[in-house]
Amino acid sequence: MDFSPFWISLKVAFCATIVTFILGLPAARLVVSMKRGRSFIDGVFSLPMVLPPTVVGFFLLLIFGNNSVLGRFLSSIGANVIFTWQGAVISAVVVSFPMLYRTARGAFEQVDPNLISAGRTLGMGEVEIFLKIILPASWPGVMAGTILAFARALGEFGATIMLAGNIPGRTQTMSIAIYSAVQGGNRELAYRWVIVIMAISFVTIFAMNYLTDHQKSKRRTN
């Protein structure tokens, strides 16, 4: 059994989760602090969550394809993302971003405003308030969103196969391997990969529920 889809999936999911974490937290904080246009920006950030993954993949092809300005620029510097594992990471980032963003936004909104006001009274800047007050107070929720984003990135299929393709040993993730196995009539191999993904998903859900329950019990205590 070729384990390359397993390692490719983990590599793509970990990289995508890191990027999503870096982008999702500032985005969530931005929307929470907005006074105008909040609904519009929130809709833009959440859009990949409701769009079919193939539609997301289609838009990514338009953005990074060789006929686009960005695609031609990337090709000129030798950084083409089409049919590469980096393209799989980009696809996973786009589809998993709303998971982290919306969970983190909900956690940020539940932080006691009095704590933020106290920080400003003490002369703390907005970045310092975010790092020392908001983030620690909402950390369980942020971690739950991070776990959800990882799980979504790990199981991504539609956008990935459109942007990164199905190249064994290079871009074939576990989800794509299941598709290929079923198409090739190899049900036994498909079952094996399904069991692996289900096991990882179960552990992921267990971890998310643990963090959520921990956050609730902490609030009751406080």
N, C-alpha and C. Protein backbone atom coordinates (compact mmCIF):
# COMPACT_ATOMS: atom_id res chain seq x y z
N MET A 1 0.84 -1.21 0.00
CA MET A 1 0.00 0.00 0.00
C MET A 1 0.87 1.25 0.00
N ASP A 2 0.61 2.12 -0.94
CA ASP A 2 1.36 3.37 -1.06
C ASP A 2 0.83 4.37 -0.03
N PHE A 3 1.71 4.80 0.90
CA PHE A 3 1.29 5.72 1.96
C PHE A 3 1.51 7.19 1.59
N SER A 4 1.91 7.45 0.37
CA SER A 4 2.16 8.84 -0.02
C SER A 4 0.92 9.73 0.12
N PRO A 5 -0.31 9.26 -0.18
CA PRO A 5 -1.47 10.13 0.03
C PRO A 5 -1.63 10.55 1.49
N PHE A 6 -1.25 9.67 2.42
CA PHE A 6 -1.34 9.99 3.84
C PHE A 6 -0.39 11.13 4.20
N TRP A 7 0.86 11.01 3.77
CA TRP A 7 1.87 12.02 4.09
C TRP A 7 1.59 13.33 3.36
N ILE A 8 1.12 13.24 2.13
CA ILE A 8 0.78 14.45 1.38
C ILE A 8 -0.39 15.17 2.06
N SER A 9 -1.39 14.41 2.49
CA SER A 9 -2.54 15.00 3.17
C SER A 9 -2.12 15.71 4.45
N LEU A 10 -1.27 15.05 5.24
CA LEU A 10 -0.80 15.66 6.48
C LEU A 10 0.01 16.92 6.21
N LYS A 11 0.90 16.86 5.21
CA LYS A 11 1.72 18.02 4.88
C LYS A 11 0.84 19.18 4.42
N VAL A 12 -0.10 18.90 3.56
CA VAL A 12 -1.00 19.94 3.06
C VAL A 12 -1.85 20.50 4.19
N ALA A 13 -2.40 19.63 5.04
CA ALA A 13 -3.28 20.07 6.12
C ALA A 13 -2.53 20.91 7.14
N PHE A 14 -1.33 20.48 7.52
CA PHE A 14 -0.54 21.24 8.50
C PHE A 14 -0.17 22.62 7.95
N CYS A 15 0.33 22.64 6.72
CA CYS A 15 0.71 23.93 6.12
C CYS A 15 -0.49 24.85 5.97
N ALA A 16 -1.62 24.28 5.52
CA ALA A 16 -2.83 25.07 5.33
C ALA A 16 -3.34 25.61 6.67
N THR A 17 -3.25 24.79 7.72
CA THR A 17 -3.72 25.23 9.04
C THR A 17 -2.88 26.37 9.57
N ILE A 18 -1.57 26.30 9.37
CA ILE A 18 -0.69 27.38 9.82
C ILE A 18 -1.03 28.69 9.11
N VAL A 19 -1.21 28.62 7.79
CA VAL A 19 -1.55 29.82 7.02
C VAL A 19 -2.92 30.34 7.43
N THR A 20 -3.87 29.42 7.60
CA THR A 20 -5.22 29.82 8.00
C THR A 20 -5.22 30.47 9.38
N PHE A 21 -4.42 29.94 10.28
CA PHE A 21 -4.31 30.51 11.63
C PHE A 21 -3.76 31.94 11.56
N ILE A 22 -2.73 32.14 10.76
CA ILE A 22 -2.10 33.45 10.63
C ILE A 22 -3.07 34.47 10.01
N LEU A 23 -3.86 34.02 9.04
CA LEU A 23 -4.79 34.93 8.36
C LEU A 23 -6.12 35.06 9.09
N GLY A 24 -6.58 33.96 9.68
CA GLY A 24 -7.92 33.93 10.26
C GLY A 24 -8.10 34.77 11.51
N LEU A 25 -7.10 34.77 12.39
CA LEU A 25 -7.23 35.53 13.64
C LEU A 25 -7.31 37.04 13.39
N PRO A 26 -6.40 37.62 12.59
CA PRO A 26 -6.55 39.06 12.32
C PRO A 26 -7.86 39.39 11.60
N ALA A 27 -8.29 38.49 10.71
CA ALA A 27 -9.56 38.73 10.00
C ALA A 27 -10.73 38.74 10.97
N ALA A 28 -10.73 37.79 11.92
CA ALA A 28 -11.80 37.73 12.90
C ALA A 28 -11.80 38.97 13.80
N ARG A 29 -10.62 39.37 14.22
CA ARG A 29 -10.50 40.57 15.07
C ARG A 29 -10.93 41.81 14.30
N LEU A 30 -10.60 41.91 13.03
CA LEU A 30 -10.99 43.04 12.20
C LEU A 30 -12.49 43.16 12.11
N VAL A 31 -13.16 42.05 11.84
CA VAL A 31 -14.61 42.08 11.67
C VAL A 31 -15.30 42.42 12.99
N VAL A 32 -14.81 41.88 14.09
CA VAL A 32 -15.41 42.17 15.40
C VAL A 32 -15.32 43.66 15.73
N SER A 33 -14.22 44.28 15.33
CA SER A 33 -14.01 45.69 15.65
C SER A 33 -14.64 46.66 14.65
N MET A 34 -15.17 46.13 13.54
CA MET A 34 -15.74 47.01 12.51
C MET A 34 -17.07 47.60 12.93
N LYS A 35 -17.31 48.83 12.52
CA LYS A 35 -18.58 49.50 12.77
C LYS A 35 -19.45 49.52 11.52
N ARG A 36 -18.82 49.66 10.36
CA ARG A 36 -19.55 49.69 9.10
C ARG A 36 -19.02 48.61 8.16
N GLY A 37 -19.93 48.10 7.35
CA GLY A 37 -19.54 47.11 6.34
C GLY A 37 -19.23 45.74 6.91
N ARG A 38 -19.60 45.54 8.16
CA ARG A 38 -19.26 44.27 8.82
C ARG A 38 -19.93 43.07 8.14
N SER A 39 -21.21 43.23 7.81
CA SER A 39 -21.94 42.12 7.20
C SER A 39 -21.35 41.73 5.84
N PHE A 40 -20.93 42.74 5.08
CA PHE A 40 -20.37 42.47 3.76
C PHE A 40 -19.05 41.71 3.87
N ILE A 41 -18.15 42.22 4.72
CA ILE A 41 -16.85 41.58 4.88
C ILE A 41 -17.00 40.17 5.47
N ASP A 42 -17.92 40.03 6.41
CA ASP A 42 -18.18 38.72 6.99
C ASP A 42 -18.68 37.75 5.92
N GLY A 43 -19.52 38.24 5.03
CA GLY A 43 -20.02 37.40 3.94
C GLY A 43 -18.92 36.96 3.00
N VAL A 44 -17.99 37.88 2.70
CA VAL A 44 -16.87 37.54 1.83
C VAL A 44 -15.98 36.48 2.47
N PHE A 45 -15.67 36.66 3.74
CA PHE A 45 -14.81 35.70 4.44
C PHE A 45 -15.49 34.34 4.61
N SER A 46 -16.80 34.32 4.71
CA SER A 46 -17.53 33.08 4.95
C SER A 46 -17.96 32.39 3.66
N LEU A 47 -17.84 33.06 2.54
CA LEU A 47 -18.36 32.55 1.27
C LEU A 47 -17.83 31.16 0.91
N PRO A 48 -16.54 30.87 1.05
CA PRO A 48 -16.06 29.53 0.68
C PRO A 48 -16.72 28.39 1.45
N MET A 49 -17.32 28.71 2.60
CA MET A 49 -17.95 27.68 3.41
C MET A 49 -19.25 27.19 2.79
N VAL A 50 -19.93 28.04 2.01
CA VAL A 50 -21.22 27.67 1.43
C VAL A 50 -21.12 27.38 -0.07
N LEU A 51 -20.04 27.79 -0.70
CA LEU A 51 -19.87 27.49 -2.11
C LEU A 51 -19.46 26.03 -2.30
N PRO A 52 -19.93 25.38 -3.38
CA PRO A 52 -19.43 24.03 -3.68
C PRO A 52 -17.92 24.08 -3.89
N PRO A 53 -17.18 23.09 -3.39
CA PRO A 53 -15.72 23.10 -3.55
C PRO A 53 -15.26 23.20 -5.00
N THR A 54 -16.04 22.63 -5.93
CA THR A 54 -15.65 22.74 -7.34
C THR A 54 -15.73 24.17 -7.84
N VAL A 55 -16.68 24.94 -7.30
CA VAL A 55 -16.78 26.35 -7.67
C VAL A 55 -15.59 27.11 -7.12
N VAL A 56 -15.20 26.79 -5.88
CA VAL A 56 -14.00 27.41 -5.30
C VAL A 56 -12.79 27.07 -6.15
N GLY A 57 -12.69 25.80 -6.56
CA GLY A 57 -11.57 25.39 -7.41
C GLY A 57 -11.58 26.11 -8.75
N PHE A 58 -12.76 26.35 -9.29
CA PHE A 58 -12.87 27.06 -10.56
C PHE A 58 -12.34 28.49 -10.44
N PHE A 59 -12.74 29.17 -9.37
CA PHE A 59 -12.25 30.54 -9.15
C PHE A 59 -10.74 30.55 -8.92
N LEU A 60 -10.22 29.54 -8.21
CA LEU A 60 -8.78 29.47 -7.99
C LEU A 60 -8.04 29.26 -9.31
N LEU A 61 -8.63 28.48 -10.20
CA LEU A 61 -8.02 28.29 -11.53
C LEU A 61 -8.01 29.61 -12.30
N LEU A 62 -9.08 30.39 -12.17
CA LEU A 62 -9.12 31.70 -12.83
C LEU A 62 -8.04 32.63 -12.28
N ILE A 63 -7.80 32.54 -10.98
CA ILE A 63 -6.82 33.43 -10.33
C ILE A 63 -5.39 32.99 -10.61
N PHE A 64 -5.14 31.69 -10.52
CA PHE A 64 -3.76 31.19 -10.63
C PHE A 64 -3.45 30.53 -11.98
N GLY A 65 -4.43 30.46 -12.86
CA GLY A 65 -4.21 29.85 -14.17
C GLY A 65 -3.21 30.63 -15.01
N ASN A 66 -2.70 29.97 -16.03
CA ASN A 66 -1.68 30.60 -16.88
C ASN A 66 -2.21 31.79 -17.69
N ASN A 67 -3.53 31.89 -17.80
CA ASN A 67 -4.11 33.00 -18.55
C ASN A 67 -4.37 34.23 -17.68
N SER A 68 -4.16 34.11 -16.39
CA SER A 68 -4.38 35.24 -15.49
C SER A 68 -3.09 36.03 -15.30
N VAL A 69 -3.23 37.26 -14.84
CA VAL A 69 -2.05 38.10 -14.59
C VAL A 69 -1.17 37.48 -13.52
N LEU A 70 -1.80 37.03 -12.44
CA LEU A 70 -1.03 36.42 -11.35
C LEU A 70 -0.38 35.12 -11.80
N GLY A 71 -1.13 34.33 -12.58
CA GLY A 71 -0.58 33.07 -13.07
C GLY A 71 0.62 33.27 -13.98
N ARG A 72 0.55 34.25 -14.86
CA ARG A 72 1.68 34.53 -15.75
C ARG A 72 2.88 35.04 -14.96
N PHE A 73 2.62 35.86 -13.94
CA PHE A 73 3.72 36.35 -13.12
C PHE A 73 4.39 35.21 -12.37
N LEU A 74 3.61 34.32 -11.78
CA LEU A 74 4.18 33.18 -11.05
C LEU A 74 4.98 32.28 -11.98
N SER A 75 4.46 32.09 -13.19
CA SER A 75 5.19 31.26 -14.16
C SER A 75 6.52 31.90 -14.56
N SER A 76 6.53 33.22 -14.64
CA SER A 76 7.75 33.92 -15.05
C SER A 76 8.86 33.80 -14.01
N ILE A 77 8.48 33.61 -12.75
CA ILE A 77 9.49 33.47 -11.69
C ILE A 77 9.65 32.01 -11.26
N GLY A 78 9.02 31.11 -12.02
CA GLY A 78 9.14 29.68 -11.73
C GLY A 78 8.40 29.23 -10.50
N ALA A 79 7.29 29.89 -10.18
CA ALA A 79 6.54 29.55 -8.96
C ALA A 79 5.10 29.16 -9.29
N ASN A 80 4.92 28.41 -10.36
CA ASN A 80 3.58 27.99 -10.76
C ASN A 80 2.99 27.05 -9.71
N VAL A 81 1.73 27.27 -9.34
CA VAL A 81 1.09 26.45 -8.30
C VAL A 81 0.14 25.40 -8.88
N ILE A 82 -0.14 25.47 -10.17
CA ILE A 82 -1.03 24.50 -10.79
C ILE A 82 -0.36 23.13 -10.80
N PHE A 83 -1.10 22.10 -10.38
CA PHE A 83 -0.61 20.71 -10.33
C PHE A 83 0.61 20.56 -9.43
N THR A 84 0.61 21.27 -8.30
CA THR A 84 1.68 21.14 -7.31
C THR A 84 1.03 20.99 -5.93
N TRP A 85 1.82 20.52 -4.95
CA TRP A 85 1.27 20.39 -3.61
C TRP A 85 1.03 21.76 -2.98
N GLN A 86 1.77 22.77 -3.46
CA GLN A 86 1.49 24.12 -2.99
C GLN A 86 0.09 24.56 -3.42
N GLY A 87 -0.31 24.14 -4.61
CA GLY A 87 -1.67 24.42 -5.05
C GLY A 87 -2.70 23.74 -4.17
N ALA A 88 -2.38 22.54 -3.71
CA ALA A 88 -3.27 21.84 -2.78
C ALA A 88 -3.37 22.60 -1.46
N VAL A 89 -2.26 23.19 -1.02
CA VAL A 89 -2.28 23.98 0.21
C VAL A 89 -3.17 25.21 0.03
N ILE A 90 -3.04 25.90 -1.10
CA ILE A 90 -3.87 27.08 -1.36
C ILE A 90 -5.34 26.71 -1.35
N SER A 91 -5.69 25.61 -2.00
CA SER A 91 -7.08 25.15 -2.01
C SER A 91 -7.57 24.86 -0.60
N ALA A 92 -6.74 24.18 0.19
CA ALA A 92 -7.12 23.84 1.56
C ALA A 92 -7.26 25.09 2.42
N VAL A 93 -6.42 26.08 2.21
CA VAL A 93 -6.51 27.33 2.97
C VAL A 93 -7.84 28.02 2.70
N VAL A 94 -8.21 28.10 1.44
CA VAL A 94 -9.43 28.83 1.07
C VAL A 94 -10.67 28.16 1.66
N VAL A 95 -10.74 26.83 1.59
CA VAL A 95 -11.95 26.15 2.07
C VAL A 95 -11.98 26.01 3.59
N SER A 96 -10.81 26.01 4.24
CA SER A 96 -10.79 25.86 5.70
C SER A 96 -10.79 27.19 6.44
N PHE A 97 -10.48 28.26 5.74
CA PHE A 97 -10.43 29.59 6.36
C PHE A 97 -11.71 29.95 7.11
N PRO A 98 -12.91 29.77 6.50
CA PRO A 98 -14.13 30.16 7.23
C PRO A 98 -14.33 29.42 8.54
N MET A 99 -13.83 28.17 8.63
CA MET A 99 -13.99 27.41 9.87
C MET A 99 -13.28 28.10 11.03
N LEU A 100 -12.04 28.46 10.80
CA LEU A 100 -11.27 29.14 11.84
C LEU A 100 -11.77 30.55 12.07
N TYR A 101 -12.04 31.26 10.99
CA TYR A 101 -12.47 32.65 11.09
C TYR A 101 -13.75 32.79 11.90
N ARG A 102 -14.76 31.99 11.57
CA ARG A 102 -16.06 32.14 12.24
C ARG A 102 -16.00 31.68 13.71
N THR A 103 -15.24 30.61 13.97
CA THR A 103 -15.11 30.15 15.35
C THR A 103 -14.35 31.17 16.19
N ALA A 104 -13.27 31.72 15.63
CA ALA A 104 -12.49 32.73 16.35
C ALA A 104 -13.30 34.00 16.55
N ARG A 105 -14.06 34.38 15.55
CA ARG A 105 -14.89 35.58 15.68
C ARG A 105 -15.90 35.42 16.81
N GLY A 106 -16.53 34.25 16.89
CA GLY A 106 -17.48 34.00 17.97
C GLY A 106 -16.80 34.04 19.34
N ALA A 107 -15.58 33.50 19.41
CA ALA A 107 -14.84 33.52 20.68
C ALA A 107 -14.45 34.94 21.06
N PHE A 108 -14.03 35.75 20.09
CA PHE A 108 -13.64 37.13 20.37
C PHE A 108 -14.83 37.95 20.85
N GLU A 109 -16.01 37.68 20.27
CA GLU A 109 -17.20 38.45 20.63
C GLU A 109 -17.65 38.18 22.06
N GLN A 110 -17.23 37.04 22.62
CA GLN A 110 -17.64 36.68 23.97
C GLN A 110 -16.68 37.17 25.05
N VAL A 111 -15.59 37.80 24.63
CA VAL A 111 -14.66 38.36 25.61
C VAL A 111 -15.31 39.56 26.30
N ASP A 112 -15.17 39.66 27.59
CA ASP A 112 -15.76 40.74 28.38
C ASP A 112 -15.22 42.10 27.89
N PRO A 113 -16.10 42.97 27.40
CA PRO A 113 -15.64 44.29 26.92
C PRO A 113 -14.96 45.11 28.00
N ASN A 114 -15.31 44.85 29.26
CA ASN A 114 -14.69 45.60 30.36
C ASN A 114 -13.19 45.33 30.45
N LEU A 115 -12.79 44.10 30.09
CA LEU A 115 -11.36 43.78 30.09
C LEU A 115 -10.62 44.59 29.03
N ILE A 116 -11.25 44.73 27.87
CA ILE A 116 -10.65 45.51 26.79
C ILE A 116 -10.57 46.99 27.18
N SER A 117 -11.65 47.49 27.77
CA SER A 117 -11.66 48.89 28.21
C SER A 117 -10.60 49.13 29.27
N ALA A 118 -10.42 48.17 30.16
CA ALA A 118 -9.40 48.31 31.21
C ALA A 118 -8.01 48.36 30.60
N GLY A 119 -7.79 47.56 29.57
CA GLY A 119 -6.50 47.57 28.90
C GLY A 119 -6.21 48.90 28.24
N ARG A 120 -7.23 49.48 27.62
CA ARG A 120 -7.05 50.78 26.99
C ARG A 120 -6.81 51.86 28.03
N THR A 121 -7.48 51.73 29.17
CA THR A 121 -7.28 52.70 30.25
C THR A 121 -5.85 52.67 30.76
N LEU A 122 -5.26 51.47 30.74
CA LEU A 122 -3.89 51.31 31.20
C LEU A 122 -2.86 51.71 30.13
N GLY A 123 -3.35 52.17 28.97
CA GLY A 123 -2.45 52.64 27.93
C GLY A 123 -1.96 51.56 26.99
N MET A 124 -2.60 50.42 26.98
CA MET A 124 -2.19 49.34 26.08
C MET A 124 -2.68 49.62 24.66
N GLY A 125 -1.85 49.32 23.68
CA GLY A 125 -2.23 49.46 22.29
C GLY A 125 -3.14 48.33 21.86
N GLU A 126 -3.74 48.45 20.66
CA GLU A 126 -4.68 47.45 20.19
C GLU A 126 -4.02 46.09 19.98
N VAL A 127 -2.80 46.10 19.47
CA VAL A 127 -2.09 44.83 19.27
C VAL A 127 -1.79 44.16 20.61
N GLU A 128 -1.37 44.96 21.58
CA GLU A 128 -1.08 44.44 22.91
C GLU A 128 -2.34 43.92 23.58
N ILE A 129 -3.44 44.62 23.40
CA ILE A 129 -4.72 44.17 23.96
C ILE A 129 -5.12 42.83 23.34
N PHE A 130 -4.92 42.72 22.04
CA PHE A 130 -5.28 41.48 21.35
C PHE A 130 -4.44 40.31 21.85
N LEU A 131 -3.13 40.53 21.98
CA LEU A 131 -2.22 39.45 22.35
C LEU A 131 -2.31 39.09 23.84
N LYS A 132 -2.54 40.08 24.69
CA LYS A 132 -2.48 39.83 26.13
C LYS A 132 -3.84 39.68 26.81
N ILE A 133 -4.90 40.13 26.14
CA ILE A 133 -6.23 40.06 26.76
C ILE A 133 -7.19 39.18 25.94
N ILE A 134 -7.41 39.58 24.68
CA ILE A 134 -8.42 38.91 23.87
C ILE A 134 -8.03 37.47 23.55
N LEU A 135 -6.81 37.28 23.06
CA LEU A 135 -6.40 35.94 22.65
C LEU A 135 -6.35 34.95 23.81
N PRO A 136 -5.75 35.30 24.97
CA PRO A 136 -5.78 34.34 26.09
C PRO A 136 -7.19 34.01 26.56
N ALA A 137 -8.07 35.03 26.57
CA ALA A 137 -9.43 34.81 27.05
C ALA A 137 -10.25 33.93 26.11
N SER A 138 -9.91 33.93 24.84
CA SER A 138 -10.68 33.16 23.84
C SER A 138 -9.91 31.98 23.29
N TRP A 139 -8.81 31.61 23.95
CA TRP A 139 -7.91 30.58 23.40
C TRP A 139 -8.59 29.24 23.16
N PRO A 140 -9.44 28.71 24.07
CA PRO A 140 -10.10 27.43 23.78
C PRO A 140 -10.92 27.46 22.49
N GLY A 141 -11.65 28.56 22.27
CA GLY A 141 -12.42 28.70 21.05
C GLY A 141 -11.55 28.78 19.82
N VAL A 142 -10.45 29.52 19.95
CA VAL A 142 -9.51 29.63 18.83
C VAL A 142 -8.92 28.27 18.48
N MET A 143 -8.56 27.49 19.50
CA MET A 143 -8.01 26.17 19.26
C MET A 143 -9.03 25.24 18.64
N ALA A 144 -10.29 25.35 19.07
CA ALA A 144 -11.35 24.54 18.47
C ALA A 144 -11.50 24.88 16.99
N GLY A 145 -11.44 26.17 16.66
CA GLY A 145 -11.51 26.57 15.26
C GLY A 145 -10.32 26.09 14.47
N THR A 146 -9.15 26.08 15.09
CA THR A 146 -7.95 25.59 14.43
C THR A 146 -8.07 24.09 14.12
N ILE A 147 -8.61 23.35 15.06
CA ILE A 147 -8.81 21.91 14.84
C ILE A 147 -9.81 21.67 13.73
N LEU A 148 -10.89 22.45 13.72
CA LEU A 148 -11.87 22.33 12.64
C LEU A 148 -11.24 22.64 11.29
N ALA A 149 -10.42 23.68 11.24
CA ALA A 149 -9.76 24.06 9.99
C ALA A 149 -8.83 22.94 9.52
N PHE A 150 -8.11 22.33 10.45
CA PHE A 150 -7.23 21.21 10.10
C PHE A 150 -8.02 20.04 9.53
N ALA A 151 -9.14 19.71 10.16
CA ALA A 151 -9.97 18.61 9.68
C ALA A 151 -10.53 18.90 8.29
N ARG A 152 -10.94 20.15 8.09
CA ARG A 152 -11.48 20.52 6.77
C ARG A 152 -10.41 20.47 5.71
N ALA A 153 -9.21 20.93 6.05
CA ALA A 153 -8.10 20.90 5.09
C ALA A 153 -7.69 19.46 4.78
N LEU A 154 -7.75 18.61 5.79
CA LEU A 154 -7.34 17.22 5.60
C LEU A 154 -8.27 16.48 4.65
N GLY A 155 -9.55 16.82 4.68
CA GLY A 155 -10.52 16.11 3.85
C GLY A 155 -10.89 16.83 2.57
N GLU A 156 -10.24 17.92 2.26
CA GLU A 156 -10.58 18.69 1.06
C GLU A 156 -10.39 17.86 -0.20
N PHE A 157 -11.35 17.98 -1.13
CA PHE A 157 -11.30 17.20 -2.37
C PHE A 157 -11.54 18.06 -3.62
N GLY A 158 -12.71 18.69 -3.68
CA GLY A 158 -13.14 19.34 -4.91
C GLY A 158 -12.21 20.41 -5.43
N ALA A 159 -11.90 21.39 -4.59
CA ALA A 159 -11.01 22.49 -5.02
C ALA A 159 -9.60 21.98 -5.28
N THR A 160 -9.18 21.00 -4.48
CA THR A 160 -7.81 20.47 -4.63
C THR A 160 -7.62 19.77 -5.96
N ILE A 161 -8.57 18.93 -6.33
CA ILE A 161 -8.40 18.16 -7.57
C ILE A 161 -8.47 19.07 -8.79
N MET A 162 -9.14 20.22 -8.67
CA MET A 162 -9.21 21.15 -9.80
C MET A 162 -7.95 21.98 -9.93
N LEU A 163 -7.38 22.38 -8.80
CA LEU A 163 -6.19 23.24 -8.85
C LEU A 163 -4.89 22.43 -8.85
N ALA A 164 -4.83 21.40 -8.02
CA ALA A 164 -3.59 20.63 -7.89
C ALA A 164 -3.59 19.35 -8.70
N GLY A 165 -4.76 18.89 -9.11
CA GLY A 165 -4.83 17.68 -9.91
C GLY A 165 -4.73 16.42 -9.07
N ASN A 166 -4.54 15.31 -9.76
CA ASN A 166 -4.47 14.00 -9.13
C ASN A 166 -3.20 13.29 -9.61
N ILE A 167 -2.08 13.71 -9.05
CA ILE A 167 -0.78 13.17 -9.45
C ILE A 167 -0.26 12.30 -8.31
N PRO A 168 -0.21 10.98 -8.48
CA PRO A 168 0.26 10.10 -7.41
C PRO A 168 1.68 10.47 -6.96
N GLY A 169 1.85 10.54 -5.65
CA GLY A 169 3.15 10.87 -5.10
C GLY A 169 3.45 12.35 -5.04
N ARG A 170 2.57 13.18 -5.64
CA ARG A 170 2.82 14.62 -5.65
C ARG A 170 1.63 15.42 -5.11
N THR A 171 0.46 15.18 -5.65
CA THR A 171 -0.71 15.95 -5.22
C THR A 171 -1.90 15.07 -4.83
N GLN A 172 -1.72 13.77 -4.85
CA GLN A 172 -2.83 12.86 -4.54
C GLN A 172 -3.00 12.72 -3.02
N THR A 173 -3.98 13.38 -2.48
CA THR A 173 -4.28 13.30 -1.05
C THR A 173 -5.14 12.06 -0.79
N MET A 174 -5.46 11.83 0.48
CA MET A 174 -6.27 10.66 0.82
C MET A 174 -7.66 10.72 0.19
N SER A 175 -8.26 11.89 0.20
CA SER A 175 -9.59 12.02 -0.40
C SER A 175 -9.56 11.72 -1.89
N ILE A 176 -8.54 12.22 -2.55
CA ILE A 176 -8.41 11.96 -3.98
C ILE A 176 -8.05 10.50 -4.22
N ALA A 177 -7.27 9.90 -3.32
CA ALA A 177 -6.92 8.49 -3.45
C ALA A 177 -8.17 7.61 -3.35
N ILE A 178 -9.10 7.98 -2.48
CA ILE A 178 -10.35 7.24 -2.38
C ILE A 178 -11.13 7.33 -3.68
N TYR A 179 -11.21 8.52 -4.22
CA TYR A 179 -11.90 8.72 -5.50
C TYR A 179 -11.26 7.88 -6.61
N SER A 180 -9.93 7.90 -6.68
CA SER A 180 -9.23 7.14 -7.71
C SER A 180 -9.42 5.65 -7.53
N ALA A 181 -9.41 5.19 -6.27
CA ALA A 181 -9.58 3.77 -6.00
C ALA A 181 -10.97 3.29 -6.41
N VAL A 182 -11.99 4.11 -6.10
CA VAL A 182 -13.35 3.75 -6.48
C VAL A 182 -13.50 3.74 -8.00
N GLN A 183 -12.93 4.76 -8.64
CA GLN A 183 -13.01 4.81 -10.10
C GLN A 183 -12.29 3.63 -10.75
N GLY A 184 -11.22 3.17 -10.10
CA GLY A 184 -10.46 2.04 -10.64
C GLY A 184 -11.00 0.69 -10.21
N GLY A 185 -12.08 0.67 -9.44
CA GLY A 185 -12.68 -0.58 -9.01
C GLY A 185 -11.97 -1.24 -7.85
N ASN A 186 -11.05 -0.53 -7.19
CA ASN A 186 -10.31 -1.10 -6.06
C ASN A 186 -11.00 -0.69 -4.77
N ARG A 187 -12.09 -1.37 -4.45
CA ARG A 187 -12.87 -1.02 -3.27
C ARG A 187 -12.09 -1.28 -1.98
N GLU A 188 -11.26 -2.30 -1.95
CA GLU A 188 -10.50 -2.61 -0.75
C GLU A 188 -9.58 -1.45 -0.36
N LEU A 189 -8.88 -0.88 -1.36
CA LEU A 189 -8.01 0.26 -1.08
C LEU A 189 -8.82 1.46 -0.63
N ALA A 190 -9.99 1.67 -1.25
CA ALA A 190 -10.85 2.79 -0.87
C ALA A 190 -11.30 2.64 0.58
N TYR A 191 -11.65 1.41 0.98
CA TYR A 191 -12.07 1.17 2.36
C TYR A 191 -10.95 1.51 3.34
N ARG A 192 -9.73 1.16 2.99
CA ARG A 192 -8.60 1.42 3.88
C ARG A 192 -8.43 2.92 4.12
N TRP A 193 -8.48 3.69 3.03
CA TRP A 193 -8.31 5.13 3.18
C TRP A 193 -9.49 5.76 3.90
N VAL A 194 -10.69 5.22 3.69
CA VAL A 194 -11.87 5.71 4.40
C VAL A 194 -11.71 5.50 5.90
N ILE A 195 -11.21 4.33 6.30
CA ILE A 195 -11.01 4.03 7.71
C ILE A 195 -9.99 5.00 8.32
N VAL A 196 -8.91 5.28 7.57
CA VAL A 196 -7.88 6.20 8.07
C VAL A 196 -8.46 7.59 8.28
N ILE A 197 -9.20 8.09 7.29
CA ILE A 197 -9.77 9.44 7.41
C ILE A 197 -10.81 9.49 8.52
N MET A 198 -11.62 8.44 8.64
CA MET A 198 -12.62 8.42 9.71
C MET A 198 -11.96 8.42 11.09
N ALA A 199 -10.86 7.68 11.23
CA ALA A 199 -10.15 7.64 12.51
C ALA A 199 -9.59 9.02 12.87
N ILE A 200 -8.97 9.68 11.90
CA ILE A 200 -8.42 11.01 12.14
C ILE A 200 -9.54 12.01 12.46
N SER A 201 -10.65 11.89 11.73
CA SER A 201 -11.78 12.80 11.94
C SER A 201 -12.37 12.61 13.33
N PHE A 202 -12.46 11.35 13.79
CA PHE A 202 -12.99 11.08 15.11
C PHE A 202 -12.12 11.71 16.19
N VAL A 203 -10.81 11.55 16.06
CA VAL A 203 -9.89 12.15 17.02
C VAL A 203 -10.02 13.67 17.00
N THR A 204 -10.19 14.22 15.81
CA THR A 204 -10.34 15.67 15.67
C THR A 204 -11.59 16.17 16.37
N ILE A 205 -12.71 15.48 16.15
CA ILE A 205 -13.97 15.88 16.79
C ILE A 205 -13.88 15.74 18.30
N PHE A 206 -13.23 14.67 18.76
CA PHE A 206 -13.06 14.47 20.20
C PHE A 206 -12.27 15.62 20.81
N ALA A 207 -11.19 16.02 20.14
CA ALA A 207 -10.37 17.13 20.64
C ALA A 207 -11.15 18.43 20.65
N MET A 208 -11.94 18.67 19.61
CA MET A 208 -12.72 19.90 19.54
C MET A 208 -13.78 19.93 20.66
N ASN A 209 -14.46 18.80 20.88
CA ASN A 209 -15.46 18.73 21.94
C ASN A 209 -14.84 18.92 23.32
N TYR A 210 -13.65 18.37 23.51
CA TYR A 210 -12.96 18.54 24.78
C TYR A 210 -12.67 20.00 25.06
N LEU A 211 -12.16 20.70 24.04
CA LEU A 211 -11.85 22.12 24.21
C LEU A 211 -13.11 22.94 24.45
N THR A 212 -14.18 22.59 23.73
CA THR A 212 -15.44 23.32 23.91
C THR A 212 -16.00 23.12 25.32
N ASP A 213 -15.98 21.87 25.80
CA ASP A 213 -16.46 21.59 27.16
C ASP A 213 -15.59 22.27 28.21
N HIS A 214 -14.28 22.29 27.93
CA HIS A 214 -13.36 22.95 28.86
C HIS A 214 -13.66 24.44 28.95
N GLN A 215 -13.97 25.04 27.80
CA GLN A 215 -14.28 26.47 27.77
C GLN A 215 -15.57 26.77 28.55
N LYS A 216 -16.58 25.89 28.39
CA LYS A 216 -17.84 26.10 29.10
C LYS A 216 -17.66 25.96 30.60
N SER A 217 -16.92 24.94 31.03
CA SER A 217 -16.69 24.73 32.45
C SER A 217 -15.88 25.88 33.06
N LYS A 218 -14.98 26.45 32.28
CA LYS A 218 -14.17 27.57 32.75
C LYS A 218 -15.06 28.79 32.96
N ARG A 219 -16.02 29.00 32.07
CA ARG A 219 -16.92 30.14 32.21
C ARG A 219 -17.80 29.97 33.44
N ARG A 220 -18.27 28.76 33.70
CA ARG A 220 -19.11 28.52 34.87
C ARG A 220 -18.33 28.80 36.15
N THR A 221 -17.05 28.41 36.13
CA THR A 221 -16.21 28.61 37.30
C THR A 221 -16.00 30.09 37.58
N ASN A 222 -15.78 30.85 36.46
CA ASN A 222 -15.56 32.28 36.61
C ASN A 222 -16.86 33.01 36.95
